[in-house]
Amino acid sequence: MKKRSSLLEKEATRSVLASILSIFIGLAVGCIIVLIVGASSKGLSLSSAWDGIRLIVGGLFSTGRDSAGSLTFGFNPTNIGNMLFRATPLILTGLSVAVAFKTGLFNIGAPGQYLMGTMATLMLALGIPSTSVPPALIWVIAFLGGCLAGALWGAIPGLLKAFLNINEVLACIMTNWLAANLVTWLFDISKFKNVTENTKSGYIYKTTFNGVATPKMGLDKIFPNSQVNMGILVAIVIAILVYVIMNKTTLGYQLKACGANRHAARYAGIQDRRNIVLSMSIAGALSAAGASLYYLSGNTEFFWSTYQSLPGTGFNGIPVALLAANNPIAVIFTGCFMSMLDISGLQLTNLTAYNEYITNVIIATIVYLSAFSLVIKMLIGGRKKKKALEAPNGIGPNGDTAAEPGTGEGVTDDGKGGEEA
């Protein structure tokens, strides 16, 4: 009992349990919605509702239906490969939000940074002729150029926060819509619109038009008929690097110190303004890296007329970071989980009469619960032990049997160590 209670008192343990609990509650809400829809809709049987629940929980492993019309499940390399491909930008936008959180900032500007990275990446990948420059070099230039564009765009709300004390949320919302309109205008006057395919004139050419595409690195053989490529490996490496920087370096310590208390950090000699700008620049570069890896894959298309809406991938980085408790390594798994829900939603549409947006309700539930993670942690850890006067072993009015909260150990009035039962 003592070991279990001490384990629950650890912040990391409670964070993991809070995230798992949020996931289970979110999935349960999705299953209840499926049952309600099945019960209230004509033509839907109980077996159809049961199929919908199974797809929500294990849609990633759905392999279709057998000859009898029943759902079958097993290893589905295509679904898993597509999940990894869709998880790549989610991991990086989740890292973007997590890094800003660590510095005490809320980076809601990830969609704008994502758009700026998209624009810079596509223009470089399509604008540099592959006849004179090797496609591999163009890929590197386009990726780094996209990251730089996102970093510069992320630095804008960082500068406003550091020097003018303007709330970063307001500044990020402003830069989001500025990016949306700027990207739309620049692509509208550019030569990168797809005019070869008449029905695709609202899209930008795929990077394969210039012979530029992310290498598969053999992943296409492990996950055949899927979109997966080396991008997921790059995202994992970046997540590990961010973890090392934030937890093992002086820079990471300074960033977290500014997040804990900006004024105390300044008193300790840390340049708080520089670190705020640097944090938002890193966050912007990470969001843009997600866009670069997504559109450099060679099999994705960018719809340039985006000023009416912002890319959802940027906003989805927020629940990824919240669910991971801002831990860079955990972001890898939460990004994959969110991507898995996306795949499950597609399976839900293809195999049953339900709408794929049921998975959005699940994600929304998880987001709300993640926002209340502190409350969940308190419920998991339990209330703090009462004062020693109210404890079962008691304490005299003179304090002769004081117990250390959380240890279960104290000193009895004969001077010997006592242990709580």
Protein backbone atom coordinates (compact mmCIF):
# COMPACT_ATOMS: atom_id res chain seq x y z
CA MET A 1 0.00 0.00 0.00
CA LYS A 2 2.83 2.35 0.84
CA LYS A 3 4.58 1.77 -2.50
CA ARG A 4 1.36 2.25 -4.45
CA SER A 5 0.55 5.52 -2.70
CA SER A 6 4.07 6.84 -3.24
CA LEU A 7 3.82 5.91 -6.93
CA LEU A 8 0.57 7.84 -7.31
CA GLU A 9 2.20 10.86 -5.72
CA LYS A 10 4.64 11.15 -8.62
CA GLU A 11 3.69 13.83 -11.12
CA ALA A 12 4.65 11.72 -14.13
CA THR A 13 2.50 8.78 -13.02
CA ARG A 14 -0.55 10.95 -12.46
CA SER A 15 -0.05 12.66 -15.83
CA VAL A 16 0.03 9.32 -17.64
CA LEU A 17 -3.01 8.03 -15.78
CA ALA A 18 -4.90 11.27 -16.46
CA SER A 19 -4.19 10.98 -20.19
CA ILE A 20 -5.22 7.31 -20.28
CA LEU A 21 -8.40 8.10 -18.38
CA SER A 22 -9.19 10.93 -20.82
CA ILE A 23 -8.73 8.55 -23.76
CA PHE A 24 -10.99 5.87 -22.28
CA ILE A 25 -13.72 8.38 -21.44
CA GLY A 26 -13.50 9.87 -24.93
CA LEU A 27 -13.81 6.45 -26.55
CA ALA A 28 -16.72 5.60 -24.25
CA VAL A 29 -18.52 8.80 -25.28
CA GLY A 30 -17.99 7.89 -28.95
CA CYS A 31 -19.43 4.43 -28.39
CA ILE A 32 -22.47 5.87 -26.61
CA ILE A 33 -23.07 8.25 -29.52
CA VAL A 34 -22.93 5.33 -31.95
CA LEU A 35 -25.52 3.46 -29.88
CA ILE A 36 -27.79 6.52 -29.70
CA VAL A 37 -27.54 7.10 -33.45
CA GLY A 38 -28.17 3.42 -34.11
CA ALA A 39 -31.22 3.33 -31.83
CA SER A 40 -32.77 6.51 -33.25
CA SER A 41 -32.10 5.92 -36.96
CA LYS A 42 -34.31 3.86 -39.21
CA GLY A 43 -32.70 1.00 -41.06
CA LEU A 44 -29.83 0.60 -38.57
CA SER A 45 -29.77 -2.63 -36.60
CA LEU A 46 -28.08 -3.44 -33.33
CA SER A 47 -25.39 -5.32 -35.24
CA SER A 48 -24.65 -2.17 -37.23
CA ALA A 49 -24.21 -0.21 -34.00
CA TRP A 50 -21.92 -2.95 -32.69
CA ASP A 51 -19.86 -2.71 -35.90
CA GLY A 52 -19.57 1.04 -35.39
CA ILE A 53 -18.28 0.58 -31.83
CA ARG A 54 -15.74 -2.00 -32.96
CA LEU A 55 -14.50 0.35 -35.69
CA ILE A 56 -14.09 3.21 -33.23
CA VAL A 57 -11.96 1.08 -30.94
CA GLY A 58 -10.07 -0.94 -33.55
CA GLY A 59 -10.69 0.65 -36.94
CA LEU A 60 -6.95 0.75 -37.59
CA PHE A 61 -6.92 -3.05 -37.76
CA SER A 62 -10.08 -3.46 -39.82
CA THR A 63 -9.52 -5.59 -42.92
CA GLY A 64 -13.01 -5.33 -44.40
CA ARG A 65 -15.83 -7.86 -44.36
CA ASP A 66 -15.81 -11.60 -44.94
CA SER A 67 -18.12 -13.54 -47.24
CA ALA A 68 -20.79 -13.59 -44.54
CA GLY A 69 -20.73 -9.79 -44.25
CA SER A 70 -19.06 -9.69 -40.83
CA LEU A 71 -16.25 -7.30 -39.98
CA THR A 72 -12.80 -8.84 -39.87
CA PHE A 73 -9.79 -7.54 -37.99
CA GLY A 74 -6.09 -8.25 -38.27
CA PHE A 75 -2.78 -6.70 -39.26
CA ASN A 76 -3.60 -4.04 -41.85
CA PRO A 77 -0.29 -2.62 -43.14
CA THR A 78 -2.02 -0.08 -45.39
CA ASN A 79 -4.01 1.47 -42.55
CA ILE A 80 -0.99 1.48 -40.24
CA GLY A 81 1.20 3.10 -42.91
CA ASN A 82 -1.40 5.79 -43.57
CA MET A 83 -1.72 6.36 -39.83
CA LEU A 84 2.04 6.96 -39.55
CA PHE A 85 1.92 9.33 -42.52
CA ARG A 86 -0.94 11.36 -41.05
CA ALA A 87 0.73 11.33 -37.63
CA THR A 88 3.88 13.05 -38.94
CA PRO A 89 2.52 16.64 -39.07
CA LEU A 90 0.51 16.05 -35.88
CA ILE A 91 3.64 15.07 -33.98
CA LEU A 92 5.46 18.20 -35.09
CA THR A 93 2.58 20.62 -34.44
CA GLY A 94 2.15 18.92 -31.06
CA LEU A 95 5.82 19.52 -30.33
CA SER A 96 5.35 23.14 -31.38
CA VAL A 97 2.58 23.68 -28.85
CA ALA A 98 4.43 21.70 -26.16
CA VAL A 99 7.65 23.74 -26.46
CA ALA A 100 5.70 26.98 -26.14
CA PHE A 101 3.80 25.61 -23.13
CA LYS A 102 7.09 24.80 -21.43
CA THR A 103 8.02 28.47 -21.73
CA GLY A 104 4.69 29.61 -20.36
CA LEU A 105 3.28 30.54 -23.78
CA PHE A 106 0.19 29.31 -25.62
CA ASN A 107 1.11 28.88 -29.27
CA ILE A 108 -2.27 29.04 -30.97
CA GLY A 109 -0.44 30.37 -34.03
CA ALA A 110 0.59 26.90 -35.26
CA PRO A 111 -1.89 27.04 -38.21
CA GLY A 112 -0.31 30.25 -39.54
CA GLN A 113 3.19 28.89 -39.06
CA TYR A 114 2.08 25.69 -40.80
CA LEU A 115 0.83 27.73 -43.78
CA MET A 116 4.02 29.76 -44.05
CA GLY A 117 6.06 26.58 -43.98
CA THR A 118 3.81 25.13 -46.67
CA MET A 119 4.29 28.14 -48.92
CA ALA A 120 8.06 28.32 -48.55
CA THR A 121 8.47 24.57 -49.00
CA LEU A 122 6.34 24.30 -52.12
CA MET A 123 7.82 27.38 -53.78
CA LEU A 124 11.36 26.15 -53.20
CA ALA A 125 10.59 22.55 -54.17
CA LEU A 126 8.85 23.60 -57.38
CA GLY A 127 10.86 26.74 -58.17
CA ILE A 128 14.38 25.29 -58.19
CA PRO A 129 14.88 23.41 -61.46
CA SER A 130 15.73 19.76 -60.88
CA THR A 131 17.56 19.69 -64.21
CA SER A 132 20.40 21.71 -62.71
CA VAL A 133 20.11 20.90 -58.99
CA PRO A 134 19.84 17.32 -57.64
CA PRO A 135 16.32 16.57 -56.33
CA ALA A 136 17.75 15.36 -53.01
CA LEU A 137 19.41 18.75 -52.48
CA ILE A 138 16.21 20.54 -53.46
CA TRP A 139 14.37 18.45 -50.83
CA VAL A 140 16.81 19.56 -48.12
CA ILE A 141 16.63 23.21 -49.20
CA ALA A 142 12.84 23.13 -49.30
CA PHE A 143 12.60 21.49 -45.87
CA LEU A 144 15.02 23.91 -44.22
CA GLY A 145 13.47 26.86 -46.03
CA GLY A 146 10.03 25.88 -44.76
CA CYS A 147 11.34 25.58 -41.20
CA LEU A 148 12.99 29.02 -41.47
CA ALA A 149 9.78 30.61 -42.75
CA GLY A 150 7.84 29.14 -39.82
CA ALA A 151 10.49 30.29 -37.34
CA LEU A 152 10.35 33.85 -38.64
CA TRP A 153 6.56 33.85 -38.52
CA GLY A 154 6.56 32.43 -35.01
CA ALA A 155 9.00 35.09 -33.88
CA ILE A 156 6.45 37.85 -34.57
CA PRO A 157 4.12 37.08 -31.61
CA GLY A 158 7.24 36.29 -29.58
CA LEU A 159 8.62 39.78 -30.17
CA LEU A 160 5.26 41.38 -29.39
CA LYS A 161 5.06 39.41 -26.14
CA ALA A 162 8.66 40.01 -25.08
CA PHE A 163 8.94 43.74 -25.79
CA LEU A 164 5.37 45.06 -25.75
CA ASN A 165 3.76 42.51 -23.41
CA ILE A 166 1.00 41.85 -25.94
CA ASN A 167 -0.80 38.61 -25.19
CA GLU A 168 0.58 35.88 -27.45
CA VAL A 169 -2.87 34.40 -28.07
CA LEU A 170 -4.12 37.64 -29.64
CA ALA A 171 -0.91 38.05 -31.61
CA CYS A 172 -1.05 34.47 -32.85
CA ILE A 173 -4.66 34.80 -34.00
CA MET A 174 -3.67 37.92 -35.92
CA THR A 175 -0.69 36.24 -37.57
CA ASN A 176 -2.81 33.18 -38.44
CA TRP A 177 -5.16 35.18 -40.65
CA LEU A 178 -2.34 37.30 -42.02
CA ALA A 179 -0.61 34.09 -43.09
CA ALA A 180 -3.79 32.69 -44.64
CA ASN A 181 -4.35 35.76 -46.79
CA LEU A 182 -0.66 36.20 -47.63
CA VAL A 183 -0.26 32.59 -48.74
CA THR A 184 -3.45 32.78 -50.80
CA TRP A 185 -2.35 35.99 -52.53
CA LEU A 186 1.17 34.80 -53.30
CA PHE A 187 0.00 31.49 -54.73
CA ASP A 188 -2.74 33.28 -56.68
CA ILE A 189 -0.16 35.35 -58.57
CA SER A 190 2.37 32.53 -58.83
CA LYS A 191 3.08 30.03 -61.59
CA PHE A 192 2.70 27.04 -59.27
CA LYS A 193 -1.05 26.52 -59.78
CA ASN A 194 -1.89 23.17 -61.34
CA VAL A 195 -3.16 24.09 -64.79
CA THR A 196 -2.19 20.76 -66.38
CA GLU A 197 -5.19 18.96 -64.90
CA ASN A 198 -8.23 21.07 -65.66
CA THR A 199 -10.08 19.94 -62.56
CA LYS A 200 -7.11 20.78 -60.30
CA SER A 201 -6.65 24.47 -61.13
CA GLY A 202 -7.35 25.39 -57.49
CA TYR A 203 -4.43 23.23 -56.35
CA ILE A 204 -0.67 23.63 -56.36
CA TYR A 205 1.43 21.12 -58.26
CA LYS A 206 2.65 18.13 -56.31
CA THR A 207 6.38 18.25 -55.64
CA THR A 208 6.83 15.18 -57.87
CA PHE A 209 6.09 17.58 -60.77
CA ASN A 210 9.68 18.71 -60.23
CA GLY A 211 10.96 15.24 -59.33
CA VAL A 212 11.13 16.02 -55.62
CA ALA A 213 9.67 13.54 -53.12
CA THR A 214 10.50 12.21 -49.66
CA PRO A 215 12.26 8.82 -49.95
CA LYS A 216 10.39 5.78 -48.69
CA MET A 217 13.42 4.18 -46.99
CA GLY A 218 11.87 0.74 -47.47
CA LEU A 219 8.75 1.61 -45.47
CA ASP A 220 6.60 1.11 -48.57
CA LYS A 221 7.57 -2.57 -48.48
CA ILE A 222 6.65 -2.93 -44.81
CA PHE A 223 3.40 -0.97 -45.28
CA PRO A 224 2.41 -1.56 -48.92
CA ASN A 225 -0.19 0.61 -50.68
CA SER A 226 0.15 3.35 -48.05
CA GLN A 227 1.49 6.93 -48.10
CA VAL A 228 4.11 6.38 -45.41
CA ASN A 229 7.64 7.64 -46.06
CA MET A 230 10.79 8.76 -44.25
CA GLY A 231 8.91 11.73 -42.80
CA ILE A 232 7.75 9.77 -39.76
CA LEU A 233 11.36 8.86 -38.95
CA VAL A 234 12.39 12.52 -39.23
CA ALA A 235 9.54 13.51 -36.91
CA ILE A 236 10.59 10.95 -34.29
CA VAL A 237 14.21 12.13 -34.44
CA ILE A 238 13.10 15.74 -34.02
CA ALA A 239 10.95 14.77 -31.02
CA ILE A 240 13.93 13.09 -29.37
CA LEU A 241 16.12 16.12 -30.06
CA VAL A 242 13.51 18.43 -28.53
CA TYR A 243 13.37 16.21 -25.45
CA VAL A 244 17.15 16.34 -25.08
CA ILE A 245 17.24 20.11 -25.57
CA MET A 246 14.45 20.80 -23.10
CA ASN A 247 15.67 18.42 -20.37
CA LYS A 248 19.42 18.05 -20.77
CA THR A 249 20.74 21.44 -21.88
CA THR A 250 21.19 24.90 -20.42
CA LEU A 251 18.95 26.36 -23.10
CA GLY A 252 16.11 24.05 -22.09
CA TYR A 253 16.57 24.98 -18.44
CA GLN A 254 16.43 28.67 -19.29
CA LEU A 255 13.30 28.25 -21.41
CA LYS A 256 11.50 26.36 -18.64
CA ALA A 257 12.71 28.85 -16.03
CA CYS A 258 11.13 31.68 -18.03
CA GLY A 259 7.95 29.65 -18.23
CA ALA A 260 7.88 29.04 -14.50
CA ASN A 261 8.46 32.68 -13.55
CA ARG A 262 9.71 35.21 -16.05
CA HIS A 263 10.62 37.82 -13.46
CA ALA A 264 12.48 35.36 -11.21
CA ALA A 265 14.38 34.10 -14.25
CA ARG A 266 15.42 37.65 -15.11
CA TYR A 267 16.54 38.21 -11.52
CA ALA A 268 18.68 35.06 -11.83
CA GLY A 269 20.43 36.53 -14.87
CA ILE A 270 18.45 34.74 -17.61
CA GLN A 271 17.55 36.87 -20.62
CA ASP A 272 13.80 36.40 -20.51
CA ARG A 273 12.99 38.43 -23.64
CA ARG A 274 15.45 36.54 -25.77
CA ASN A 275 14.13 33.21 -24.56
CA ILE A 276 10.49 34.15 -25.21
CA VAL A 277 11.30 35.07 -28.80
CA LEU A 278 13.47 31.98 -29.19
CA SER A 279 10.74 29.73 -27.82
CA MET A 280 8.16 31.01 -30.29
CA SER A 281 10.69 30.77 -33.12
CA ILE A 282 11.38 27.12 -32.27
CA ALA A 283 7.65 26.48 -32.05
CA GLY A 284 7.13 28.10 -35.46
CA ALA A 285 9.93 26.05 -37.01
CA LEU A 286 8.41 22.82 -35.66
CA SER A 287 4.95 23.62 -37.05
CA ALA A 288 6.46 24.47 -40.42
CA ALA A 289 8.49 21.26 -40.37
CA GLY A 290 5.23 19.34 -40.12
CA ALA A 291 3.92 21.11 -43.21
CA SER A 292 7.18 20.53 -45.08
CA LEU A 293 7.21 16.80 -44.43
CA TYR A 294 3.56 16.51 -45.37
CA TYR A 295 3.77 18.29 -48.71
CA LEU A 296 7.24 17.06 -49.67
CA SER A 297 5.87 13.52 -49.66
CA GLY A 298 5.07 13.93 -53.34
CA ASN A 299 1.57 12.46 -53.11
CA THR A 300 -0.28 15.33 -51.38
CA GLU A 301 -1.96 18.35 -52.92
CA PHE A 302 -2.27 21.84 -51.44
CA PHE A 303 -5.47 23.79 -52.07
CA TRP A 304 -4.18 27.35 -52.30
CA SER A 305 -7.48 29.18 -51.69
CA THR A 306 -7.36 28.69 -47.92
CA TYR A 307 -8.18 32.17 -46.63
CA GLN A 308 -11.69 31.04 -45.62
CA SER A 309 -10.34 28.49 -43.15
CA LEU A 310 -7.13 27.61 -41.34
CA PRO A 311 -5.47 24.17 -41.55
CA GLY A 312 -6.89 21.89 -38.89
CA THR A 313 -3.53 20.19 -38.42
CA GLY A 314 -2.23 23.29 -36.66
CA PHE A 315 -5.10 23.31 -34.17
CA ASN A 316 -4.94 19.53 -33.68
CA GLY A 317 -1.44 19.98 -32.27
CA ILE A 318 -3.07 21.46 -29.15
CA PRO A 319 -4.84 18.24 -28.01
CA VAL A 320 -1.75 16.24 -28.99
CA ALA A 321 0.37 18.35 -26.64
CA LEU A 322 -2.24 18.42 -23.86
CA LEU A 323 -2.75 14.68 -23.96
CA ALA A 324 1.03 14.17 -23.83
CA ALA A 325 1.35 16.53 -20.83
CA ASN A 326 3.84 18.52 -23.00
CA ASN A 327 6.35 15.67 -22.95
CA PRO A 328 8.15 15.53 -26.35
CA ILE A 329 8.48 11.74 -26.29
CA ALA A 330 4.84 11.25 -25.32
CA VAL A 331 3.84 13.54 -28.20
CA ILE A 332 4.95 10.78 -30.61
CA PHE A 333 2.37 8.39 -29.17
CA THR A 334 -0.46 10.90 -28.78
CA GLY A 335 0.11 12.07 -32.36
CA CYS A 336 -0.22 8.48 -33.55
CA PHE A 337 -3.33 8.04 -31.43
CA MET A 338 -5.02 11.11 -32.93
CA SER A 339 -4.06 9.88 -36.39
CA MET A 340 -5.51 6.47 -35.53
CA LEU A 341 -8.85 8.12 -34.70
CA ASP A 342 -8.74 9.79 -38.10
CA ILE A 343 -8.26 6.42 -39.81
CA SER A 344 -11.05 4.93 -37.68
CA GLY A 345 -13.36 7.73 -38.83
CA LEU A 346 -12.71 6.86 -42.46
CA GLN A 347 -13.37 3.19 -41.73
CA LEU A 348 -16.57 4.18 -39.96
CA THR A 349 -17.81 5.93 -43.09
CA ASN A 350 -16.78 3.20 -45.51
CA LEU A 351 -18.20 0.22 -43.66
CA THR A 352 -21.26 1.52 -41.81
CA ALA A 353 -23.95 4.17 -42.13
CA TYR A 354 -22.30 6.40 -39.53
CA ASN A 355 -20.56 9.72 -40.09
CA GLU A 356 -16.80 10.02 -39.71
CA TYR A 357 -17.25 13.15 -37.61
CA ILE A 358 -18.17 10.99 -34.65
CA THR A 359 -14.41 10.69 -34.15
CA ASN A 360 -14.25 14.50 -33.92
CA VAL A 361 -16.62 14.28 -30.96
CA ILE A 362 -14.24 11.77 -29.37
CA ILE A 363 -11.30 14.11 -29.93
CA ALA A 364 -13.27 17.05 -28.55
CA THR A 365 -14.11 15.08 -25.41
CA ILE A 366 -10.48 14.12 -24.94
CA VAL A 367 -9.43 17.76 -25.40
CA TYR A 368 -11.84 18.97 -22.74
CA LEU A 369 -10.70 16.29 -20.31
CA SER A 370 -7.06 17.07 -21.06
CA ALA A 371 -7.75 20.72 -20.23
CA PHE A 372 -9.02 19.53 -16.85
CA SER A 373 -5.99 17.28 -16.37
CA LEU A 374 -5.05 19.03 -13.13
CA VAL A 375 -8.42 18.12 -11.61
CA ILE A 376 -8.09 14.54 -12.85
CA LYS A 377 -4.60 14.31 -11.33
CA MET A 378 -5.97 15.48 -8.00
CA LEU A 379 -8.72 12.87 -8.13
CA ILE A 380 -6.20 10.14 -8.98
CA GLY A 381 -3.73 11.17 -6.31
CA GLY A 382 -6.45 11.67 -3.73
CA ARG A 383 -6.69 14.45 -1.21
CA LYS A 384 -3.65 15.23 0.85
CA LYS A 385 -3.39 13.55 4.20
CA LYS A 386 -5.00 15.40 7.01
CA LYS A 387 -2.95 16.99 9.68
CA ALA A 388 -1.33 14.70 12.17
CA LEU A 389 -3.91 15.62 14.82
CA GLU A 390 -6.60 13.97 12.64
CA ALA A 391 -4.48 10.98 11.57
CA PRO A 392 -5.36 7.48 12.87
CA ASN A 393 -2.12 7.16 14.82
CA GLY A 394 -2.79 10.53 16.42
CA ILE A 395 -0.51 13.23 17.65
CA GLY A 396 -0.33 14.75 21.02
CA PRO A 397 -1.02 18.42 21.63
CA ASN A 398 2.71 18.96 22.01
CA GLY A 399 3.43 17.43 18.57
CA ASP A 400 5.22 14.36 19.92
CA THR A 401 4.14 12.02 17.02
CA ALA A 402 4.64 14.04 13.87
CA ALA A 403 4.31 12.18 10.55
CA GLU A 404 5.77 13.33 7.30
CA PRO A 405 2.94 13.67 4.74
CA GLY A 406 3.21 11.10 2.00
CA THR A 407 5.87 8.96 3.72
CA GLY A 408 3.74 7.02 6.19
CA GLU A 409 6.55 7.28 8.70
CA GLY A 410 6.75 9.22 11.92
CA VAL A 411 8.38 9.35 15.32
CA THR A 412 6.48 7.97 18.27
CA ASP A 413 6.73 9.51 21.70
CA ASP A 414 9.32 6.92 22.75
CA GLY A 415 11.67 8.14 20.00
CA LYS A 416 11.39 5.04 17.78
CA GLY A 417 10.42 5.16 14.18
CA GLY A 418 6.85 4.14 13.54
CA GLU A 419 5.22 3.07 10.30
CA GLU A 420 1.69 3.74 9.28
CA ALA A 421 -0.37 0.66 8.61
